[in-house]
Amino acid sequence: MQISRLLLYLGVGLIYSALAFRGELLRRGALIFSKQNVRPLSSILMIHLEFLTILWGLIWFYPHFEPLLPIWLTDDTFCQGRYYGRWFSLLDCLEPFAMIGMAQIERRWMYVECETDLHR
């Protein structure tokens, strides 16, 4: 049971990191690791670790606050589909969109453009 939980954390962390750093390995699409970004690499990695910690904390805390949520949000028959023998709830279907939103916010925090005064 513990190994499957660890694999869940690692898998979600890898998927989230891919969302947060998408396009950075390409030369044309790189912004975060470009010279126009004034944030140092250590700051970029710290921001990413903070967002990963928040995400992993939410995953860890999810079973504790799930009973407090409305039944229409956590009812396991919402999506009417099966994935490894488990029904999905509306909350399960919304989790990828929450990860995408977090990655967008993180990308905005990691990239600070160098201000140049072109009007002098």
PDB file of N, CA and C in Angstrom:
ATOM      1  N   MET A   1       0.816  -1.192   0.000  1.00  0.00           N
ATOM      2  CA  MET A   1       0.000   0.000   0.000  1.00  0.00           C
ATOM      3  C   MET A   1       0.863   1.261   0.000  1.00  0.00           C
ATOM      4  N   GLN A   2       1.950   1.254   0.769  1.00  0.00           N
ATOM      5  CA  GLN A   2       2.816   2.418   0.855  1.00  0.00           C
ATOM      6  C   GLN A   2       3.539   2.674  -0.460  1.00  0.00           C
ATOM      7  N   ILE A   3       3.912   1.613  -1.167  1.00  0.00           N
ATOM      8  CA  ILE A   3       4.622   1.783  -2.431  1.00  0.00           C
ATOM      9  C   ILE A   3       3.689   2.393  -3.474  1.00  0.00           C
ATOM     10  N   SER A   4       2.437   1.989  -3.496  1.00  0.00           N
ATOM     11  CA  SER A   4       1.501   2.574  -4.452  1.00  0.00           C
ATOM     12  C   SER A   4       1.253   4.043  -4.142  1.00  0.00           C
ATOM     13  N   ARG A   5       1.239   4.402  -2.869  1.00  0.00           N
ATOM     14  CA  ARG A   5       1.066   5.810  -2.480  1.00  0.00           C
ATOM     15  C   ARG A   5       2.284   6.633  -2.904  1.00  0.00           C
ATOM     16  N   LEU A   6       3.464   6.064  -2.723  1.00  0.00           N
ATOM     17  CA  LEU A   6       4.695   6.736  -3.142  1.00  0.00           C
ATOM     18  C   LEU A   6       4.726   6.907  -4.657  1.00  0.00           C
ATOM     19  N   LEU A   7       4.292   5.891  -5.382  1.00  0.00           N
ATOM     20  CA  LEU A   7       4.231   5.993  -6.844  1.00  0.00           C
ATOM     21  C   LEU A   7       3.212   7.046  -7.284  1.00  0.00           C
ATOM     22  N   LEU A   8       2.121   7.182  -6.549  1.00  0.00           N
ATOM     23  CA  LEU A   8       1.142   8.232  -6.843  1.00  0.00           C
ATOM     24  C   LEU A   8       1.781   9.606  -6.696  1.00  0.00           C
ATOM     25  N   TYR A   9       2.501   9.825  -5.576  1.00  0.00           N
ATOM     26  CA  TYR A   9       3.161  11.117  -5.365  1.00  0.00           C
ATOM     27  C   TYR A   9       4.199  11.398  -6.445  1.00  0.00           C
ATOM     28  N   LEU A  10       4.997  10.397  -6.787  1.00  0.00           N
ATOM     29  CA  LEU A  10       6.012  10.584  -7.828  1.00  0.00           C
ATOM     30  C   LEU A  10       5.379  10.840  -9.188  1.00  0.00           C
ATOM     31  N   GLY A  11       4.345  10.089  -9.515  1.00  0.00           N
ATOM     32  CA  GLY A  11       3.671  10.273 -10.805  1.00  0.00           C
ATOM     33  C   GLY A  11       3.039  11.647 -10.931  1.00  0.00           C
ATOM     34  N   VAL A  12       2.334  12.070  -9.889  1.00  0.00           N
ATOM     35  CA  VAL A  12       1.712  13.397  -9.910  1.00  0.00           C
ATOM     36  C   VAL A  12       2.784  14.480  -9.967  1.00  0.00           C
ATOM     37  N   GLY A  13       3.887  14.276  -9.245  1.00  0.00           N
ATOM     38  CA  GLY A  13       4.980  15.252  -9.276  1.00  0.00           C
ATOM     39  C   GLY A  13       5.611  15.374 -10.654  1.00  0.00           C
ATOM     40  N   LEU A  14       5.789  14.241 -11.330  1.00  0.00           N
ATOM     41  CA  LEU A  14       6.355  14.279 -12.685  1.00  0.00           C
ATOM     42  C   LEU A  14       5.407  14.944 -13.672  1.00  0.00           C
ATOM     43  N   ILE A  15       4.134  14.608 -13.591  1.00  0.00           N
ATOM     44  CA  ILE A  15       3.150  15.214 -14.496  1.00  0.00           C
ATOM     45  C   ILE A  15       3.060  16.714 -14.240  1.00  0.00           C
ATOM     46  N   TYR A  16       3.027  17.100 -12.961  1.00  0.00           N
ATOM     47  CA  TYR A  16       2.948  18.517 -12.628  1.00  0.00           C
ATOM     48  C   TYR A  16       4.201  19.267 -13.084  1.00  0.00           C
ATOM     49  N   SER A  17       5.378  18.658 -12.911  1.00  0.00           N
ATOM     50  CA  SER A  17       6.617  19.299 -13.360  1.00  0.00           C
ATOM     51  C   SER A  17       6.629  19.459 -14.870  1.00  0.00           C
ATOM     52  N   ALA A  18       6.100  18.475 -15.584  1.00  0.00           N
ATOM     53  CA  ALA A  18       6.011  18.589 -17.038  1.00  0.00           C
ATOM     54  C   ALA A  18       5.078  19.726 -17.433  1.00  0.00           C
ATOM     55  N   LEU A  19       3.990  19.905 -16.688  1.00  0.00           N
ATOM     56  CA  LEU A  19       3.084  21.023 -16.969  1.00  0.00           C
ATOM     57  C   LEU A  19       3.745  22.367 -16.662  1.00  0.00           C
ATOM     58  N   ALA A  20       4.454  22.431 -15.549  1.00  0.00           N
ATOM     59  CA  ALA A  20       5.059  23.701 -15.132  1.00  0.00           C
ATOM     60  C   ALA A  20       6.211  24.118 -16.045  1.00  0.00           C
ATOM     61  N   PHE A  21       6.974  23.151 -16.552  1.00  0.00           N
ATOM     62  CA  PHE A  21       8.142  23.471 -17.362  1.00  0.00           C
ATOM     63  C   PHE A  21       7.948  23.111 -18.833  1.00  0.00           C
ATOM     64  N   ARG A  22       6.702  23.051 -19.292  1.00  0.00           N
ATOM     65  CA  ARG A  22       6.452  22.714 -20.700  1.00  0.00           C
ATOM     66  C   ARG A  22       7.059  23.788 -21.600  1.00  0.00           C
ATOM     67  N   GLY A  23       7.676  23.343 -22.659  1.00  0.00           N
ATOM     68  CA  GLY A  23       8.283  24.254 -23.613  1.00  0.00           C
ATOM     69  C   GLY A  23       9.655  24.768 -23.224  1.00  0.00           C
ATOM     70  N   GLU A  24      10.128  24.439 -22.054  1.00  0.00           N
ATOM     71  CA  GLU A  24      11.415  24.963 -21.607  1.00  0.00           C
ATOM     72  C   GLU A  24      12.598  24.225 -22.211  1.00  0.00           C
ATOM     73  N   LEU A  25      12.394  23.022 -22.685  1.00  0.00           N
ATOM     74  CA  LEU A  25      13.490  22.284 -23.295  1.00  0.00           C
ATOM     75  C   LEU A  25      13.705  22.696 -24.744  1.00  0.00           C
ATOM     76  N   LEU A  26      12.706  23.336 -25.327  1.00  0.00           N
ATOM     77  CA  LEU A  26      12.834  23.842 -26.693  1.00  0.00           C
ATOM     78  C   LEU A  26      13.534  25.192 -26.668  1.00  0.00           C
ATOM     79  N   ARG A  27      14.382  25.424 -27.622  1.00  0.00           N
ATOM     80  CA  ARG A  27      15.136  26.695 -27.656  1.00  0.00           C
ATOM     81  C   ARG A  27      14.222  27.898 -27.874  1.00  0.00           C
ATOM     82  N   ARG A  28      13.233  27.761 -28.747  1.00  0.00           N
ATOM     83  CA  ARG A  28      12.385  28.910 -29.079  1.00  0.00           C
ATOM     84  C   ARG A  28      11.373  29.235 -27.989  1.00  0.00           C
ATOM     85  N   GLY A  29      10.907  28.224 -27.267  1.00  0.00           N
ATOM     86  CA  GLY A  29       9.857  28.451 -26.281  1.00  0.00           C
ATOM     87  C   GLY A  29      10.346  28.689 -24.874  1.00  0.00           C
ATOM     88  N   ALA A  30      11.637  28.661 -24.657  1.00  0.00           N
ATOM     89  CA  ALA A  30      12.164  28.780 -23.294  1.00  0.00           C
ATOM     90  C   ALA A  30      12.030  30.208 -22.780  1.00  0.00           C
ATOM     91  N   LEU A  31      11.345  30.366 -21.669  1.00  0.00           N
ATOM     92  CA  LEU A  31      11.249  31.666 -21.004  1.00  0.00           C
ATOM     93  C   LEU A  31      11.852  31.613 -19.615  1.00  0.00           C
ATOM     94  N   ILE A  32      11.513  30.564 -18.879  1.00  0.00           N
ATOM     95  CA  ILE A  32      11.931  30.483 -17.485  1.00  0.00           C
ATOM     96  C   ILE A  32      13.451  30.378 -17.361  1.00  0.00           C
ATOM     97  N   PHE A  33      14.070  29.595 -18.234  1.00  0.00           N
ATOM     98  CA  PHE A  33      15.517  29.419 -18.176  1.00  0.00           C
ATOM     99  C   PHE A  33      16.249  30.302 -19.197  1.00  0.00           C
ATOM    100  N   SER A  34      15.592  31.362 -19.659  1.00  0.00           N
ATOM    101  CA  SER A  34      16.229  32.256 -20.631  1.00  0.00           C
ATOM    102  C   SER A  34      16.976  33.371 -19.916  1.00  0.00           C
ATOM    103  N   LYS A  35      17.727  34.137 -20.685  1.00  0.00           N
ATOM    104  CA  LYS A  35      18.493  35.251 -20.114  1.00  0.00           C
ATOM    105  C   LYS A  35      17.608  36.452 -19.804  1.00  0.00           C
ATOM    106  N   GLN A  36      16.385  36.480 -20.352  1.00  0.00           N
ATOM    107  CA  GLN A  36      15.459  37.580 -20.045  1.00  0.00           C
ATOM    108  C   GLN A  36      14.854  37.452 -18.648  1.00  0.00           C
ATOM    109  N   ASN A  37      14.940  36.261 -18.066  1.00  0.00           N
ATOM    110  CA  ASN A  37      14.409  36.041 -16.721  1.00  0.00           C
ATOM    111  C   ASN A  37      15.460  36.475 -15.704  1.00  0.00           C
ATOM    112  N   VAL A  38      15.052  37.346 -14.778  1.00  0.00           N
ATOM    113  CA  VAL A  38      15.999  37.838 -13.787  1.00  0.00           C
ATOM    114  C   VAL A  38      16.058  36.951 -12.546  1.00  0.00           C
ATOM    115  N   ARG A  39      15.167  35.985 -12.436  1.00  0.00           N
ATOM    116  CA  ARG A  39      15.195  35.073 -11.284  1.00  0.00           C
ATOM    117  C   ARG A  39      16.359  34.099 -11.423  1.00  0.00           C
ATOM    118  N   PRO A  40      17.107  33.889 -10.354  1.00  0.00           N
ATOM    119  CA  PRO A  40      18.180  32.886 -10.408  1.00  0.00           C
ATOM    120  C   PRO A  40      17.603  31.470 -10.375  1.00  0.00           C
ATOM    121  N   LEU A  41      18.402  30.518 -10.802  1.00  0.00           N
ATOM    122  CA  LEU A  41      17.972  29.121 -10.870  1.00  0.00           C
ATOM    123  C   LEU A  41      17.546  28.601  -9.495  1.00  0.00           C
ATOM    124  N   SER A  42      18.241  28.985  -8.462  1.00  0.00           N
ATOM    125  CA  SER A  42      17.875  28.520  -7.113  1.00  0.00           C
ATOM    126  C   SER A  42      16.486  29.001  -6.717  1.00  0.00           C
ATOM    127  N   SER A  43      16.139  30.215  -7.086  1.00  0.00           N
ATOM    128  CA  SER A  43      14.815  30.756  -6.790  1.00  0.00           C
ATOM    129  C   SER A  43      13.740  30.040  -7.594  1.00  0.00           C
ATOM    130  N   ILE A  44      14.033  29.742  -8.850  1.00  0.00           N
ATOM    131  CA  ILE A  44      13.078  29.014  -9.702  1.00  0.00           C
ATOM    132  C   ILE A  44      12.801  27.630  -9.122  1.00  0.00           C
ATOM    133  N   LEU A  45      13.862  26.931  -8.722  1.00  0.00           N
ATOM    134  CA  LEU A  45      13.686  25.596  -8.153  1.00  0.00           C
ATOM    135  C   LEU A  45      12.957  25.647  -6.814  1.00  0.00           C
ATOM    136  N   MET A  46      13.203  26.674  -6.014  1.00  0.00           N
ATOM    137  CA  MET A  46      12.514  26.805  -4.736  1.00  0.00           C
ATOM    138  C   MET A  46      11.017  27.056  -4.944  1.00  0.00           C
ATOM    139  N   ILE A  47      10.669  27.891  -5.897  1.00  0.00           N
ATOM    140  CA  ILE A  47       9.256  28.130  -6.204  1.00  0.00           C
ATOM    141  C   ILE A  47       8.600  26.825  -6.639  1.00  0.00           C
ATOM    142  N   HIS A  48       9.289  26.070  -7.492  1.00  0.00           N
ATOM    143  CA  HIS A  48       8.722  24.804  -7.961  1.00  0.00           C
ATOM    144  C   HIS A  48       8.549  23.813  -6.802  1.00  0.00           C
ATOM    145  N   LEU A  49       9.514  23.732  -5.918  1.00  0.00           N
ATOM    146  CA  LEU A  49       9.391  22.833  -4.759  1.00  0.00           C
ATOM    147  C   LEU A  49       8.253  23.257  -3.830  1.00  0.00           C
ATOM    148  N   GLU A  50       8.039  24.553  -3.700  1.00  0.00           N
ATOM    149  CA  GLU A  50       6.932  25.029  -2.873  1.00  0.00           C
ATOM    150  C   GLU A  50       5.594  24.622  -3.466  1.00  0.00           C
ATOM    151  N   PHE A  51       5.433  24.774  -4.773  1.00  0.00           N
ATOM    152  CA  PHE A  51       4.181  24.376  -5.407  1.00  0.00           C
ATOM    153  C   PHE A  51       3.995  22.859  -5.372  1.00  0.00           C
ATOM    154  N   LEU A  52       5.076  22.099  -5.539  1.00  0.00           N
ATOM    155  CA  LEU A  52       4.979  20.637  -5.420  1.00  0.00           C
ATOM    156  C   LEU A  52       4.571  20.243  -4.001  1.00  0.00           C
ATOM    157  N   THR A  53       5.101  20.925  -3.009  1.00  0.00           N
ATOM    158  CA  THR A  53       4.746  20.637  -1.625  1.00  0.00           C
ATOM    159  C   THR A  53       3.273  20.912  -1.371  1.00  0.00           C
ATOM    160  N   ILE A  54       2.769  22.011  -1.909  1.00  0.00           N
ATOM    161  CA  ILE A  54       1.338  22.323  -1.776  1.00  0.00           C
ATOM    162  C   ILE A  54       0.506  21.237  -2.438  1.00  0.00           C
ATOM    163  N   LEU A  55       0.875  20.833  -3.641  1.00  0.00           N
ATOM    164  CA  LEU A  55       0.135  19.805  -4.361  1.00  0.00           C
ATOM    165  C   LEU A  55       0.160  18.476  -3.613  1.00  0.00           C
ATOM    166  N   TRP A  56       1.336  18.062  -3.157  1.00  0.00           N
ATOM    167  CA  TRP A  56       1.442  16.807  -2.407  1.00  0.00           C
ATOM    168  C   TRP A  56       0.688  16.893  -1.083  1.00  0.00           C
ATOM    169  N   GLY A  57       0.688  18.045  -0.459  1.00  0.00           N
ATOM    170  CA  GLY A  57      -0.083  18.225   0.776  1.00  0.00           C
ATOM    171  C   GLY A  57      -1.575  18.085   0.533  1.00  0.00           C
ATOM    172  N   LEU A  58      -2.057  18.641  -0.570  1.00  0.00           N
ATOM    173  CA  LEU A  58      -3.472  18.498  -0.904  1.00  0.00           C
ATOM    174  C   LEU A  58      -3.830  17.041  -1.179  1.00  0.00           C
ATOM    175  N   ILE A  59      -2.952  16.326  -1.864  1.00  0.00           N
ATOM    176  CA  ILE A  59      -3.206  14.907  -2.125  1.00  0.00           C
ATOM    177  C   ILE A  59      -3.218  14.123  -0.817  1.00  0.00           C
ATOM    178  N   TRP A  60      -2.296  14.421   0.079  1.00  0.00           N
ATOM    179  CA  TRP A  60      -2.229  13.728   1.358  1.00  0.00           C
ATOM    180  C   TRP A  60      -3.445  14.033   2.230  1.00  0.00           C
ATOM    181  N   PHE A  61      -3.923  15.289   2.180  1.00  0.00           N
ATOM    182  CA  PHE A  61      -5.025  15.725   3.030  1.00  0.00           C
ATOM    183  C   PHE A  61      -6.391  15.384   2.440  1.00  0.00           C
ATOM    184  N   TYR A  62      -6.455  15.034   1.172  1.00  0.00           N
ATOM    185  CA  TYR A  62      -7.725  14.781   0.477  1.00  0.00           C
ATOM    186  C   TYR A  62      -8.622  13.777   1.192  1.00  0.00           C
ATOM    187  N   PRO A  63      -8.133  12.611   1.626  1.00  0.00           N
ATOM    188  CA  PRO A  63      -9.039  11.667   2.314  1.00  0.00           C
ATOM    189  C   PRO A  63      -9.629  12.214   3.611  1.00  0.00           C
ATOM    190  N   HIS A  64      -8.961  13.193   4.226  1.00  0.00           N
ATOM    191  CA  HIS A  64      -9.449  13.747   5.485  1.00  0.00           C
ATOM    192  C   HIS A  64     -10.570  14.763   5.278  1.00  0.00           C
ATOM    193  N   PHE A  65     -10.518  15.534   4.192  1.00  0.00           N
ATOM    194  CA  PHE A  65     -11.566  16.534   4.000  1.00  0.00           C
ATOM    195  C   PHE A  65     -12.618  16.118   2.980  1.00  0.00           C
ATOM    196  N   GLU A  66     -12.465  14.960   2.350  1.00  0.00           N
ATOM    197  CA  GLU A  66     -13.477  14.480   1.400  1.00  0.00           C
ATOM    198  C   GLU A  66     -14.847  14.289   2.062  1.00  0.00           C
ATOM    199  N   PRO A  67     -14.952  13.741   3.281  1.00  0.00           N
ATOM    200  CA  PRO A  67     -16.272  13.598   3.899  1.00  0.00           C
ATOM    201  C   PRO A  67     -16.962  14.928   4.197  1.00  0.00           C
ATOM    202  N   LEU A  68     -16.209  16.014   4.252  1.00  0.00           N
ATOM    203  CA  LEU A  68     -16.792  17.322   4.550  1.00  0.00           C
ATOM    204  C   LEU A  68     -17.389  18.001   3.316  1.00  0.00           C
ATOM    205  N   LEU A  69     -17.062  17.503   2.125  1.00  0.00           N
ATOM    206  CA  LEU A  69     -17.531  18.104   0.878  1.00  0.00           C
ATOM    207  C   LEU A  69     -18.940  17.611   0.539  1.00  0.00           C
ATOM    208  N   PRO A  70     -19.681  18.367  -0.290  1.00  0.00           N
ATOM    209  CA  PRO A  70     -21.032  17.933  -0.673  1.00  0.00           C
ATOM    210  C   PRO A  70     -21.007  16.604  -1.428  1.00  0.00           C
ATOM    211  N   ILE A  71     -22.075  15.841  -1.299  1.00  0.00           N
ATOM    212  CA  ILE A  71     -22.139  14.517  -1.907  1.00  0.00           C
ATOM    213  C   ILE A  71     -22.111  14.591  -3.436  1.00  0.00           C
ATOM    214  N   TRP A  72     -22.664  15.645  -4.032  1.00  0.00           N
ATOM    215  CA  TRP A  72     -22.685  15.746  -5.486  1.00  0.00           C
ATOM    216  C   TRP A  72     -21.283  15.948  -6.050  1.00  0.00           C
ATOM    217  N   LEU A  73     -20.366  16.414  -5.213  1.00  0.00           N
ATOM    218  CA  LEU A  73     -18.996  16.623  -5.648  1.00  0.00           C
ATOM    219  C   LEU A  73     -18.146  15.360  -5.510  1.00  0.00           C
ATOM    220  N   THR A  74     -18.493  14.513  -4.571  1.00  0.00           N
ATOM    221  CA  THR A  74     -17.684  13.327  -4.293  1.00  0.00           C
ATOM    222  C   THR A  74     -18.382  12.016  -4.654  1.00  0.00           C
ATOM    223  N   ASP A  75     -19.578  12.065  -5.214  1.00  0.00           N
ATOM    224  CA  ASP A  75     -20.299  10.851  -5.585  1.00  0.00           C
ATOM    225  C   ASP A  75     -19.544  10.128  -6.694  1.00  0.00           C
ATOM    226  N   ASP A  76     -19.238   8.871  -6.498  1.00  0.00           N
ATOM    227  CA  ASP A  76     -18.384   8.124  -7.423  1.00  0.00           C
ATOM    228  C   ASP A  76     -19.064   7.673  -8.705  1.00  0.00           C
ATOM    229  N   THR A  77     -20.273   8.085  -8.966  1.00  0.00           N
ATOM    230  CA  THR A  77     -20.935   7.675 -10.201  1.00  0.00           C
ATOM    231  C   THR A  77     -21.078   8.820 -11.193  1.00  0.00           C
ATOM    232  N   PHE A  78     -20.379   9.908 -10.996  1.00  0.00           N
ATOM    233  CA  PHE A  78     -20.575  11.095 -11.850  1.00  0.00           C
ATOM    234  C   PHE A  78     -20.161  10.859 -13.292  1.00  0.00           C
ATOM    235  N   CYS A  79     -18.936  10.427 -13.525  1.00  0.00           N
ATOM    236  CA  CYS A  79     -18.423  10.320 -14.891  1.00  0.00           C
ATOM    237  C   CYS A  79     -18.861   9.049 -15.612  1.00  0.00           C
ATOM    238  N   GLN A  80     -19.437   8.107 -14.888  1.00  0.00           N
ATOM    239  CA  GLN A  80     -19.919   6.855 -15.467  1.00  0.00           C
ATOM    240  C   GLN A  80     -18.848   6.132 -16.275  1.00  0.00           C
ATOM    241  N   GLY A  81     -17.631   6.221 -15.864  1.00  0.00           N
ATOM    242  CA  GLY A  81     -16.543   5.520 -16.537  1.00  0.00           C
ATOM    243  C   GLY A  81     -15.725   4.746 -15.530  1.00  0.00           C
ATOM    244  N   ARG A  82     -15.002   3.765 -16.031  1.00  0.00           N
ATOM    245  CA  ARG A  82     -14.184   2.954 -15.128  1.00  0.00           C
ATOM    246  C   ARG A  82     -12.717   3.106 -15.491  1.00  0.00           C
ATOM    247  N   TYR A  83     -11.901   3.209 -14.483  1.00  0.00           N
ATOM    248  CA  TYR A  83     -10.459   3.264 -14.653  1.00  0.00           C
ATOM    249  C   TYR A  83      -9.866   2.397 -13.568  1.00  0.00           C
ATOM    250  N   TYR A  84      -9.360   1.263 -13.935  1.00  0.00           N
ATOM    251  CA  TYR A  84      -8.841   0.284 -12.983  1.00  0.00           C
ATOM    252  C   TYR A  84      -9.893  -0.105 -11.950  1.00  0.00           C
ATOM    253  N   GLY A  85     -11.120  -0.257 -12.389  1.00  0.00           N
ATOM    254  CA  GLY A  85     -12.178  -0.721 -11.508  1.00  0.00           C
ATOM    255  C   GLY A  85     -12.696   0.306 -10.527  1.00  0.00           C
ATOM    256  N   ARG A  86     -12.406   1.588 -10.718  1.00  0.00           N
ATOM    257  CA  ARG A  86     -12.853   2.633  -9.799  1.00  0.00           C
ATOM    258  C   ARG A  86     -13.709   3.628 -10.549  1.00  0.00           C
ATOM    259  N   TRP A  87     -14.819   4.008  -9.956  1.00  0.00           N
ATOM    260  CA  TRP A  87     -15.665   5.036 -10.539  1.00  0.00           C
ATOM    261  C   TRP A  87     -15.070   6.405 -10.232  1.00  0.00           C
ATOM    262  N   PHE A  88     -15.273   7.345 -11.135  1.00  0.00           N
ATOM    263  CA  PHE A  88     -14.773   8.703 -10.926  1.00  0.00           C
ATOM    264  C   PHE A  88     -15.870   9.592 -10.375  1.00  0.00           C
ATOM    265  N   SER A  89     -15.492  10.529  -9.533  1.00  0.00           N
ATOM    266  CA  SER A  89     -16.413  11.549  -9.055  1.00  0.00           C
ATOM    267  C   SER A  89     -16.134  12.846  -9.813  1.00  0.00           C
ATOM    268  N   LEU A  90     -17.004  13.820  -9.614  1.00  0.00           N
ATOM    269  CA  LEU A  90     -16.797  15.128 -10.245  1.00  0.00           C
ATOM    270  C   LEU A  90     -15.492  15.746  -9.754  1.00  0.00           C
ATOM    271  N   LEU A  91     -15.190  15.565  -8.484  1.00  0.00           N
ATOM    272  CA  LEU A  91     -13.944  16.101  -7.930  1.00  0.00           C
ATOM    273  C   LEU A  91     -12.726  15.449  -8.583  1.00  0.00           C
ATOM    274  N   ASP A  92     -12.797  14.144  -8.841  1.00  0.00           N
ATOM    275  CA  ASP A  92     -11.703  13.454  -9.524  1.00  0.00           C
ATOM    276  C   ASP A  92     -11.509  13.992 -10.939  1.00  0.00           C
ATOM    277  N   CYS A  93     -12.595  14.344 -11.604  1.00  0.00           N
ATOM    278  CA  CYS A  93     -12.503  14.865 -12.969  1.00  0.00           C
ATOM    279  C   CYS A  93     -11.973  16.296 -13.007  1.00  0.00           C
ATOM    280  N   LEU A  94     -12.144  17.042 -11.918  1.00  0.00           N
ATOM    281  CA  LEU A  94     -11.681  18.433 -11.865  1.00  0.00           C
ATOM    282  C   LEU A  94     -10.236  18.578 -11.410  1.00  0.00           C
ATOM    283  N   GLU A  95      -9.663  17.536 -10.827  1.00  0.00           N
ATOM    284  CA  GLU A  95      -8.292  17.617 -10.317  1.00  0.00           C
ATOM    285  C   GLU A  95      -7.253  17.953 -11.387  1.00  0.00           C
ATOM    286  N   PRO A  96      -7.324  17.381 -12.607  1.00  0.00           N
ATOM    287  CA  PRO A  96      -6.332  17.784 -13.620  1.00  0.00           C
ATOM    288  C   PRO A  96      -6.414  19.273 -13.971  1.00  0.00           C
ATOM    289  N   PHE A  97      -7.614  19.827 -13.972  1.00  0.00           N
ATOM    290  CA  PHE A  97      -7.754  21.250 -14.267  1.00  0.00           C
ATOM    291  C   PHE A  97      -7.167  22.108 -13.150  1.00  0.00           C
ATOM    292  N   ALA A  98      -7.277  21.640 -11.915  1.00  0.00           N
ATOM    293  CA  ALA A  98      -6.657  22.345 -10.794  1.00  0.00           C
ATOM    294  C   ALA A  98      -5.135  22.320 -10.926  1.00  0.00           C
ATOM    295  N   MET A  99      -4.589  21.179 -11.356  1.00  0.00           N
ATOM    296  CA  MET A  99      -3.139  21.092 -11.563  1.00  0.00           C
ATOM    297  C   MET A  99      -2.689  22.032 -12.669  1.00  0.00           C
ATOM    298  N   ILE A 100      -3.455  22.125 -13.741  1.00  0.00           N
ATOM    299  CA  ILE A 100      -3.112  23.034 -14.838  1.00  0.00           C
ATOM    300  C   ILE A 100      -3.152  24.480 -14.344  1.00  0.00           C
ATOM    301  N   GLY A 101      -4.154  24.819 -13.548  1.00  0.00           N
ATOM    302  CA  GLY A 101      -4.239  26.168 -12.988  1.00  0.00           C
ATOM    303  C   GLY A 101      -3.071  26.493 -12.077  1.00  0.00           C
ATOM    304  N   MET A 102      -2.692  25.537 -11.226  1.00  0.00           N
ATOM    305  CA  MET A 102      -1.535  25.746 -10.358  1.00  0.00           C
ATOM    306  C   MET A 102      -0.261  25.936 -11.172  1.00  0.00           C
ATOM    307  N   ALA A 103      -0.107  25.150 -12.243  1.00  0.00           N
ATOM    308  CA  ALA A 103       1.086  25.267 -13.084  1.00  0.00           C
ATOM    309  C   ALA A 103       1.136  26.628 -13.770  1.00  0.00           C
ATOM    310  N   GLN A 104      -0.011  27.152 -14.189  1.00  0.00           N
ATOM    311  CA  GLN A 104      -0.049  28.481 -14.813  1.00  0.00           C
ATOM    312  C   GLN A 104       0.368  29.562 -13.818  1.00  0.00           C
ATOM    313  N   ILE A 105      -0.140  29.463 -12.598  1.00  0.00           N
ATOM    314  CA  ILE A 105       0.240  30.440 -11.574  1.00  0.00           C
ATOM    315  C   ILE A 105       1.730  30.339 -11.277  1.00  0.00           C
ATOM    316  N   GLU A 106       2.237  29.106 -11.178  1.00  0.00           N
ATOM    317  CA  GLU A 106       3.660  28.918 -10.902  1.00  0.00           C
ATOM    318  C   GLU A 106       4.529  29.490 -12.012  1.00  0.00           C
ATOM    319  N   ARG A 107       4.136  29.280 -13.259  1.00  0.00           N
ATOM    320  CA  ARG A 107       4.922  29.816 -14.386  1.00  0.00           C
ATOM    321  C   ARG A 107       5.009  31.338 -14.313  1.00  0.00           C
ATOM    322  N   ARG A 108       3.930  31.970 -13.896  1.00  0.00           N
ATOM    323  CA  ARG A 108       3.960  33.436 -13.770  1.00  0.00           C
ATOM    324  C   ARG A 108       4.885  33.879 -12.644  1.00  0.00           C
ATOM    325  N   TRP A 109       4.985  33.093 -11.594  1.00  0.00           N
ATOM    326  CA  TRP A 109       5.881  33.436 -10.483  1.00  0.00           C
ATOM    327  C   TRP A 109       7.338  33.196 -10.847  1.00  0.00           C
ATOM    328  N   MET A 110       7.591  32.178 -11.664  1.00  0.00           N
ATOM    329  CA  MET A 110       8.981  31.825 -11.972  1.00  0.00           C
ATOM    330  C   MET A 110       9.616  32.755 -12.994  1.00  0.00           C
ATOM    331  N   TYR A 111       8.815  33.386 -13.831  1.00  0.00           N
ATOM    332  CA  TYR A 111       9.381  34.225 -14.888  1.00  0.00           C
ATOM    333  C   TYR A 111       9.170  35.690 -14.552  1.00  0.00           C
ATOM    334  N   VAL A 112      10.264  36.413 -14.356  1.00  0.00           N
ATOM    335  CA  VAL A 112      10.243  37.855 -14.144  1.00  0.00           C
ATOM    336  C   VAL A 112      11.121  38.454 -15.225  1.00  0.00           C
ATOM    337  N   GLU A 113      10.503  39.185 -16.129  1.00  0.00           N
ATOM    338  CA  GLU A 113      11.238  39.726 -17.272  1.00  0.00           C
ATOM    339  C   GLU A 113      12.167  40.848 -16.846  1.00  0.00           C
ATOM    340  N   CYS A 114      13.318  40.882 -17.475  1.00  0.00           N
ATOM    341  CA  CYS A 114      14.303  41.919 -17.225  1.00  0.00           C
ATOM    342  C   CYS A 114      13.770  43.242 -17.760  1.00  0.00           C
ATOM    343  N   GLU A 115      13.741  44.230 -16.906  1.00  0.00           N
ATOM    344  CA  GLU A 115      13.252  45.540 -17.333  1.00  0.00           C
ATOM    345  C   GLU A 115      14.395  46.320 -17.966  1.00  0.00           C
ATOM    346  N   THR A 116      14.217  46.677 -19.208  1.00  0.00           N
ATOM    347  CA  THR A 116      15.225  47.493 -19.908  1.00  0.00           C
ATOM    348  C   THR A 116      14.569  48.813 -20.290  1.00  0.00           C
ATOM    349  N   ASP A 117      15.309  49.879 -20.167  1.00  0.00           N
ATOM    350  CA  ASP A 117      14.807  51.189 -20.504  1.00  0.00           C
ATOM    351  C   ASP A 117      15.212  51.493 -21.931  1.00  0.00           C
ATOM    352  N   LEU A 118      14.300  51.341 -22.878  1.00  0.00           N
ATOM    353  CA  LEU A 118      14.575  51.546 -24.288  1.00  0.00           C
ATOM    354  C   LEU A 118      14.364  53.002 -24.722  1.00  0.00           C
ATOM    355  N   HIS A 119      13.812  53.830 -23.836  1.00  0.00           N
ATOM    356  CA  HIS A 119      13.482  55.203 -24.226  1.00  0.00           C
ATOM    357  C   HIS A 119      14.586  56.198 -23.901  1.00  0.00           C
ATOM    358  N   ARG A 120      15.730  55.788 -23.492  1.00  0.00           N
ATOM    359  CA  ARG A 120      16.824  56.726 -23.159  1.00  0.00           C
ATOM    360  C   ARG A 120      17.563  57.125 -24.384  1.00  0.00           C
TER     361      ARG A 120
END
